[in-house]
C-alpha atoms as a PDB file:
ATOM      1  CA  UNK A   1      97.759 114.602  96.951  1.00  0.00           C
ATOM      2  CA  UNK A   2      98.743 117.072  99.600  1.00  0.00           C
ATOM      3  CA  UNK A   3     101.247 116.836 102.583  1.00  0.00           C
ATOM      4  CA  UNK A   4      99.628 115.077 105.467  1.00  0.00           C
ATOM      5  CA  UNK A   5     100.570 115.607 109.136  1.00  0.00           C
ATOM      6  CA  UNK A   6     100.023 113.050 112.048  1.00  0.00           C
ATOM      7  CA  UNK A   7     100.043 113.886 115.697  1.00  0.00           C
ATOM      8  CA  UNK A   8     102.370 111.713 117.838  1.00  0.00           C
ATOM      9  CA  UNK A   9     100.870 111.337 121.280  1.00  0.00           C
ATOM     10  CA  UNK A  10     101.769 109.361 124.517  1.00  0.00           C
ATOM     11  CA  UNK A  11      99.343 108.611 127.376  1.00  0.00           C
ATOM     12  CA  UNK A  12      99.946 109.754 130.802  1.00  0.00           C
ATOM     13  CA  UNK A  13      97.902 108.058 133.583  1.00  0.00           C
ATOM     14  CA  UNK A  14      97.329 109.870 136.903  1.00  0.00           C
ATOM     15  CA  UNK A  15      95.027 109.675 139.697  1.00  0.00           C
ATOM     16  CA  UNK A  16      92.547 112.580 140.818  1.00  0.00           C
ATOM     17  CA  UNK A  17      90.098 112.157 143.789  1.00  0.00           C
ATOM     18  CA  UNK A  18      90.856 108.452 143.834  1.00  0.00           C
ATOM     19  CA  UNK A  19      90.002 107.935 140.237  1.00  0.00           C
ATOM     20  CA  UNK A  20      92.555 106.703 137.518  1.00  0.00           C
ATOM     21  CA  UNK A  21      92.563 109.195 134.627  1.00  0.00           C
ATOM     22  CA  UNK A  22      94.484 109.450 131.401  1.00  0.00           C
ATOM     23  CA  UNK A  23      95.840 112.535 129.700  1.00  0.00           C
ATOM     24  CA  UNK A  24      97.053 112.478 126.173  1.00  0.00           C
ATOM     25  CA  UNK A  25     100.255 114.714 125.382  1.00  0.00           C
ATOM     26  CA  UNK A  26     101.312 115.611 122.014  1.00  0.00           C
ATOM     27  CA  UNK A  27     105.063 114.962 121.639  1.00  0.00           C
ATOM     28  CA  UNK A  28     105.521 115.599 118.024  1.00  0.00           C
ATOM     29  CA  UNK A  29     104.524 115.253 114.397  1.00  0.00           C
ATOM     30  CA  UNK A  30     104.906 112.861 111.529  1.00  0.00           C
ATOM     31  CA  UNK A  31     104.843 114.607 108.216  1.00  0.00           C
ATOM     32  CA  UNK A  32     104.015 112.436 104.961  1.00  0.00           C
ATOM     33  CA  UNK A  33     105.169 113.860 101.612  1.00  0.00           C
ATOM     34  CA  UNK A  34     103.432 112.094  98.746  1.00  0.00           C
ATOM     35  CA  UNK A  35     105.203 110.904  95.719  1.00  0.00           C
ATOM     36  CA  UNK A  36     105.273 113.505  92.846  1.00  0.00           C
ATOM     37  CA  UNK A  37     106.874 113.416  89.455  1.00  0.00           C
ATOM     38  CA  UNK A  38     110.171 111.565  89.870  1.00  0.00           C
ATOM     39  CA  UNK A  39     110.211 112.012  93.658  1.00  0.00           C
ATOM     40  CA  UNK A  40     109.500 109.065  96.110  1.00  0.00           C
ATOM     41  CA  UNK A  41     107.018 109.589  98.908  1.00  0.00           C
ATOM     42  CA  UNK A  42     108.757 110.344 102.260  1.00  0.00           C
ATOM     43  CA  UNK A  43     108.369 110.958 105.913  1.00  0.00           C
ATOM     44  CA  UNK A  44     109.708 113.240 108.440  1.00  0.00           C
ATOM     45  CA  UNK A  45     109.462 112.862 112.195  1.00  0.00           C
ATOM     46  CA  UNK A  46     109.437 116.090 114.261  1.00  0.00           C
ATOM     47  CA  UNK A  47     109.753 115.432 118.170  1.00  0.00           C
ATOM     48  CA  UNK A  48     109.198 118.177 120.642  1.00  0.00           C
ATOM     49  CA  UNK A  49     111.971 116.868 122.866  1.00  0.00           C
ATOM     50  CA  UNK A  50     114.447 117.531 120.044  1.00  0.00           C
ATOM     51  CA  UNK A  51     113.752 120.936 118.928  1.00  0.00           C
ATOM     52  CA  UNK A  52     115.263 122.030 115.441  1.00  0.00           C
ATOM     53  CA  UNK A  53     115.898 118.327 114.737  1.00  0.00           C
ATOM     54  CA  UNK A  54     114.253 116.416 111.900  1.00  0.00           C
ATOM     55  CA  UNK A  55     114.232 112.733 111.759  1.00  0.00           C
ATOM     56  CA  UNK A  56     113.896 111.157 108.218  1.00  0.00           C
ATOM     57  CA  UNK A  57     112.040 107.950 108.052  1.00  0.00           C
ATOM     58  CA  UNK A  58     113.045 105.265 105.500  1.00  0.00           C
ATOM     59  CA  UNK A  59     111.351 101.912 104.782  1.00  0.00           C
ATOM     60  CA  UNK A  60     113.251  99.166 106.559  1.00  0.00           C
ATOM     61  CA  UNK A  61     115.163  96.834 104.104  1.00  0.00           C
ATOM     62  CA  UNK A  62     116.745  93.512 104.665  1.00  0.00           C
ATOM     63  CA  UNK A  63     120.176  93.889 106.142  1.00  0.00           C
ATOM     64  CA  UNK A  64     122.066  92.746 103.193  1.00  0.00           C
ATOM     65  CA  UNK A  65     120.417  95.378 100.961  1.00  0.00           C
ATOM     66  CA  UNK A  66     120.963  98.317 103.238  1.00  0.00           C
ATOM     67  CA  UNK A  67     123.418 101.155 102.264  1.00  0.00           C
ATOM     68  CA  UNK A  68     126.929 100.651 103.518  1.00  0.00           C
ATOM     69  CA  UNK A  69     127.172 104.406 104.455  1.00  0.00           C
ATOM     70  CA  UNK A  70     125.051 107.379 104.760  1.00  0.00           C
ATOM     71  CA  UNK A  71     126.454 108.603 101.416  1.00  0.00           C
ATOM     72  CA  UNK A  72     124.154 106.091  99.718  1.00  0.00           C
ATOM     73  CA  UNK A  73     121.153 107.888 101.060  1.00  0.00           C
ATOM     74  CA  UNK A  74     121.094 110.182  97.968  1.00  0.00           C
ATOM     75  CA  UNK A  75     118.394 111.206  95.346  1.00  0.00           C
ATOM     76  CA  UNK A  76     117.264 107.921  93.554  1.00  0.00           C
ATOM     77  CA  UNK A  77     118.136 105.794  96.740  1.00  0.00           C
ATOM     78  CA  UNK A  78     115.012 106.563  98.788  1.00  0.00           C
ATOM     79  CA  UNK A  79     114.092 110.233 100.053  1.00  0.00           C
ATOM     80  CA  UNK A  80     115.747 113.194  98.497  1.00  0.00           C
ATOM     81  CA  UNK A  81     116.512 115.003 101.790  1.00  0.00           C
ATOM     82  CA  UNK A  82     116.665 118.373  99.913  1.00  0.00           C
ATOM     83  CA  UNK A  83     113.176 118.207  98.785  1.00  0.00           C
ATOM     84  CA  UNK A  84     111.607 117.652 102.241  1.00  0.00           C
ATOM     85  CA  UNK A  85     112.254 120.740 104.480  1.00  0.00           C
END
């Protein structure tokens, strides 16, 4: 399965000649990386308002099973960040 990209859009409502119209603005991209071999699937969020910043998306877990620190977000504990860029 190939990498999939999704547009992130927001509506902007405006009025033109007394008529309500809607314009859709692209504000970023969500990238889906499929699982392959021993690597889990993963997601990366790229937002236009934060250039050169990638947001990594992890499945939400119950509070008592979340990592205590960011050091626990290493290979084998979700997404291997080195494999994503």
